[in-house]
Amino acid sequence: MSIAIEVREYLKSEPAFRGYIPADFADDFNLIKAGALDSIGIFMLVNFLEKKYQITVGTNDLIDANFKSIKTIEAFVLTRTNESLG
């Protein structure tokens, strides 16, 4: 399963994100503007990503560009997983 699909399923399954994201949303849907990823939402998502993909998310990584959408989250995770392989 792709990272995008797994992140989408996580967001849709977590009660904290309900009401902020539509049932079907595009990979470029802005999760931050929608209010889904506030400080608590980012914390929950980072926790999921670190456990699921065995990556470390540092404080310098906590920028909108990395978490704005499914597309940017997937790119960030791929970068991190490639770094750990190298």
N, C-alpha and C. Protein backbone atom coordinates (compact mmCIF):
# COMPACT_ATOMS: atom_id res chain seq x y z
N MET A 1 0.85 -1.18 0.00
CA MET A 1 0.00 0.00 0.00
C MET A 1 0.89 1.24 0.00
N SER A 2 0.48 2.24 -0.75
CA SER A 2 1.30 3.46 -0.85
C SER A 2 1.19 4.31 0.41
N ILE A 3 2.19 5.14 0.58
CA ILE A 3 2.21 6.06 1.72
C ILE A 3 0.98 6.96 1.68
N ALA A 4 0.64 7.46 0.50
CA ALA A 4 -0.51 8.36 0.37
C ALA A 4 -1.79 7.67 0.84
N ILE A 5 -1.99 6.44 0.44
CA ILE A 5 -3.19 5.70 0.85
C ILE A 5 -3.19 5.45 2.35
N GLU A 6 -2.05 5.07 2.90
CA GLU A 6 -1.98 4.81 4.34
C GLU A 6 -2.22 6.07 5.17
N VAL A 7 -1.67 7.19 4.74
CA VAL A 7 -1.87 8.46 5.47
C VAL A 7 -3.33 8.88 5.35
N ARG A 8 -3.90 8.75 4.16
CA ARG A 8 -5.30 9.09 3.96
C ARG A 8 -6.20 8.25 4.88
N GLU A 9 -5.96 6.95 4.93
CA GLU A 9 -6.75 6.07 5.78
C GLU A 9 -6.60 6.44 7.25
N TYR A 10 -5.38 6.79 7.65
CA TYR A 10 -5.16 7.21 9.04
C TYR A 10 -5.98 8.47 9.34
N LEU A 11 -5.88 9.47 8.48
CA LEU A 11 -6.60 10.72 8.72
C LEU A 11 -8.11 10.51 8.77
N LYS A 12 -8.61 9.66 7.89
CA LYS A 12 -10.05 9.41 7.84
C LYS A 12 -10.52 8.58 9.04
N SER A 13 -9.64 7.79 9.63
CA SER A 13 -10.04 6.92 10.74
C SER A 13 -9.94 7.58 12.11
N GLU A 14 -9.18 8.65 12.21
CA GLU A 14 -8.98 9.32 13.50
C GLU A 14 -10.11 10.31 13.78
N PRO A 15 -10.81 10.15 14.88
CA PRO A 15 -11.90 11.07 15.21
C PRO A 15 -11.48 12.53 15.28
N ALA A 16 -10.24 12.80 15.65
CA ALA A 16 -9.78 14.19 15.79
C ALA A 16 -9.80 14.95 14.47
N PHE A 17 -9.75 14.24 13.35
CA PHE A 17 -9.71 14.89 12.05
C PHE A 17 -11.07 14.99 11.38
N ARG A 18 -12.06 14.30 11.92
CA ARG A 18 -13.40 14.32 11.33
C ARG A 18 -13.98 15.73 11.41
N GLY A 19 -14.65 16.10 10.37
CA GLY A 19 -15.24 17.43 10.31
C GLY A 19 -14.32 18.46 9.68
N TYR A 20 -13.04 18.13 9.59
CA TYR A 20 -12.07 19.05 8.98
C TYR A 20 -11.74 18.68 7.55
N ILE A 21 -11.90 17.41 7.23
CA ILE A 21 -11.59 16.96 5.87
C ILE A 21 -12.81 16.29 5.26
N PRO A 22 -13.03 16.51 3.97
CA PRO A 22 -14.17 15.86 3.32
C PRO A 22 -13.94 14.35 3.22
N ALA A 23 -15.01 13.61 3.00
CA ALA A 23 -14.91 12.15 2.89
C ALA A 23 -13.95 11.76 1.77
N ASP A 24 -14.04 12.42 0.65
CA ASP A 24 -13.12 12.18 -0.46
C ASP A 24 -12.38 13.48 -0.73
N PHE A 25 -11.08 13.46 -0.56
CA PHE A 25 -10.31 14.67 -0.80
C PHE A 25 -9.09 14.34 -1.64
N ALA A 26 -8.68 15.32 -2.44
CA ALA A 26 -7.55 15.14 -3.36
C ALA A 26 -6.24 15.11 -2.59
N ASP A 27 -5.22 14.55 -3.23
CA ASP A 27 -3.90 14.48 -2.60
C ASP A 27 -3.29 15.85 -2.35
N ASP A 28 -3.79 16.87 -3.04
CA ASP A 28 -3.26 18.22 -2.82
C ASP A 28 -4.19 19.09 -1.96
N PHE A 29 -5.21 18.48 -1.35
CA PHE A 29 -6.11 19.19 -0.43
C PHE A 29 -5.29 19.75 0.72
N ASN A 30 -5.45 21.04 1.02
CA ASN A 30 -4.64 21.69 2.05
C ASN A 30 -5.18 21.36 3.45
N LEU A 31 -4.51 20.45 4.11
CA LEU A 31 -4.93 19.98 5.44
C LEU A 31 -4.75 21.05 6.51
N ILE A 32 -3.79 21.92 6.31
CA ILE A 32 -3.53 22.98 7.29
C ILE A 32 -4.61 24.05 7.20
N LYS A 33 -4.91 24.51 5.99
CA LYS A 33 -5.95 25.52 5.81
C LYS A 33 -7.32 25.00 6.25
N ALA A 34 -7.53 23.71 6.08
CA ALA A 34 -8.81 23.11 6.47
C ALA A 34 -8.95 23.02 7.99
N GLY A 35 -7.84 23.19 8.71
CA GLY A 35 -7.88 23.13 10.17
C GLY A 35 -7.62 21.75 10.74
N ALA A 36 -7.40 20.76 9.88
CA ALA A 36 -7.16 19.39 10.36
C ALA A 36 -5.83 19.28 11.07
N LEU A 37 -4.84 19.98 10.57
CA LEU A 37 -3.50 19.88 11.15
C LEU A 37 -3.14 21.14 11.93
N ASP A 38 -3.73 21.24 13.10
CA ASP A 38 -3.31 22.26 14.05
C ASP A 38 -2.17 21.63 14.85
N SER A 39 -1.78 22.22 15.96
CA SER A 39 -0.64 21.69 16.72
C SER A 39 -0.89 20.26 17.21
N ILE A 40 -2.08 19.97 17.66
CA ILE A 40 -2.39 18.62 18.13
C ILE A 40 -2.47 17.66 16.95
N GLY A 41 -3.07 18.10 15.85
CA GLY A 41 -3.15 17.26 14.66
C GLY A 41 -1.79 16.91 14.10
N ILE A 42 -0.88 17.89 14.09
CA ILE A 42 0.49 17.63 13.63
C ILE A 42 1.16 16.62 14.56
N PHE A 43 1.00 16.80 15.86
CA PHE A 43 1.59 15.87 16.83
C PHE A 43 1.09 14.45 16.59
N MET A 44 -0.21 14.30 16.39
CA MET A 44 -0.79 12.97 16.16
C MET A 44 -0.26 12.36 14.86
N LEU A 45 -0.20 13.17 13.81
CA LEU A 45 0.28 12.68 12.52
C LEU A 45 1.76 12.30 12.59
N VAL A 46 2.56 13.13 13.23
CA VAL A 46 3.99 12.84 13.36
C VAL A 46 4.18 11.53 14.14
N ASN A 47 3.43 11.35 15.19
CA ASN A 47 3.51 10.12 15.97
C ASN A 47 3.20 8.91 15.08
N PHE A 48 2.14 9.00 14.29
CA PHE A 48 1.78 7.94 13.35
C PHE A 48 2.91 7.68 12.36
N LEU A 49 3.43 8.73 11.75
CA LEU A 49 4.48 8.58 10.73
C LEU A 49 5.74 7.96 11.31
N GLU A 50 6.14 8.41 12.49
CA GLU A 50 7.36 7.87 13.12
C GLU A 50 7.21 6.38 13.42
N LYS A 51 6.06 5.99 13.92
CA LYS A 51 5.84 4.58 14.24
C LYS A 51 5.68 3.74 12.98
N LYS A 52 4.87 4.20 12.06
CA LYS A 52 4.55 3.44 10.85
C LYS A 52 5.76 3.25 9.94
N TYR A 53 6.54 4.30 9.76
CA TYR A 53 7.63 4.27 8.78
C TYR A 53 9.01 4.26 9.44
N GLN A 54 9.05 4.21 10.75
CA GLN A 54 10.30 4.16 11.51
C GLN A 54 11.26 5.27 11.09
N ILE A 55 10.71 6.48 11.09
CA ILE A 55 11.50 7.67 10.77
C ILE A 55 11.52 8.57 11.99
N THR A 56 12.39 9.55 11.96
CA THR A 56 12.44 10.57 13.01
C THR A 56 12.07 11.90 12.38
N VAL A 57 11.16 12.60 13.01
CA VAL A 57 10.75 13.92 12.56
C VAL A 57 11.30 14.92 13.56
N GLY A 58 12.23 15.75 13.13
CA GLY A 58 12.84 16.75 13.99
C GLY A 58 12.05 18.04 14.02
N THR A 59 12.38 18.90 14.94
CA THR A 59 11.67 20.17 15.04
C THR A 59 11.85 21.02 13.79
N ASN A 60 12.99 20.91 13.12
CA ASN A 60 13.21 21.66 11.87
C ASN A 60 12.34 21.15 10.74
N ASP A 61 11.81 19.94 10.88
CA ASP A 61 10.94 19.36 9.86
C ASP A 61 9.50 19.83 9.98
N LEU A 62 9.15 20.43 11.09
CA LEU A 62 7.76 20.80 11.37
C LEU A 62 7.40 22.13 10.69
N ILE A 63 7.38 22.07 9.37
CA ILE A 63 7.03 23.25 8.58
C ILE A 63 5.85 22.89 7.68
N ASP A 64 5.07 23.90 7.32
CA ASP A 64 3.89 23.68 6.48
C ASP A 64 4.22 22.92 5.20
N ALA A 65 5.36 23.21 4.62
CA ALA A 65 5.72 22.59 3.34
C ALA A 65 5.76 21.06 3.43
N ASN A 66 6.05 20.50 4.59
CA ASN A 66 6.12 19.05 4.75
C ASN A 66 4.78 18.40 5.07
N PHE A 67 3.82 19.18 5.57
CA PHE A 67 2.58 18.60 6.08
C PHE A 67 1.32 19.22 5.49
N LYS A 68 1.47 20.00 4.46
CA LYS A 68 0.35 20.72 3.87
C LYS A 68 -0.71 19.81 3.27
N SER A 69 -0.28 18.70 2.67
CA SER A 69 -1.22 17.83 1.95
C SER A 69 -0.71 16.39 1.98
N ILE A 70 -1.54 15.49 1.51
CA ILE A 70 -1.13 14.10 1.39
C ILE A 70 0.12 14.01 0.51
N LYS A 71 0.12 14.78 -0.56
CA LYS A 71 1.24 14.77 -1.51
C LYS A 71 2.55 15.20 -0.84
N THR A 72 2.52 16.27 -0.05
CA THR A 72 3.74 16.75 0.59
C THR A 72 4.16 15.83 1.74
N ILE A 73 3.20 15.24 2.43
CA ILE A 73 3.52 14.28 3.50
C ILE A 73 4.21 13.06 2.90
N GLU A 74 3.66 12.56 1.80
CA GLU A 74 4.27 11.40 1.14
C GLU A 74 5.70 11.71 0.70
N ALA A 75 5.92 12.86 0.10
CA ALA A 75 7.26 13.25 -0.34
C ALA A 75 8.22 13.33 0.85
N PHE A 76 7.75 13.90 1.95
CA PHE A 76 8.58 14.01 3.15
C PHE A 76 8.96 12.63 3.68
N VAL A 77 7.99 11.74 3.78
CA VAL A 77 8.25 10.38 4.29
C VAL A 77 9.22 9.65 3.36
N LEU A 78 9.03 9.77 2.06
CA LEU A 78 9.94 9.12 1.11
C LEU A 78 11.37 9.64 1.27
N THR A 79 11.51 10.93 1.49
CA THR A 79 12.83 11.51 1.72
C THR A 79 13.46 10.92 2.97
N ARG A 80 12.69 10.84 4.03
CA ARG A 80 13.19 10.31 5.31
C ARG A 80 13.53 8.82 5.21
N THR A 81 12.68 8.04 4.56
CA THR A 81 12.95 6.60 4.46
C THR A 81 14.15 6.35 3.56
N ASN A 82 14.33 7.15 2.52
CA ASN A 82 15.50 7.01 1.65
C ASN A 82 16.78 7.38 2.40
N GLU A 83 16.71 8.37 3.28
CA GLU A 83 17.87 8.77 4.08
C GLU A 83 18.29 7.64 5.02
N SER A 84 17.31 6.94 5.59
CA SER A 84 17.65 5.88 6.53
C SER A 84 18.20 4.64 5.80
N LEU A 85 17.90 4.52 4.50
CA LEU A 85 18.43 3.40 3.73
C LEU A 85 19.86 3.66 3.26
N GLY A 86 20.17 4.95 3.10
CA GLY A 86 21.45 5.33 2.55
C GLY A 86 22.52 5.34 3.56
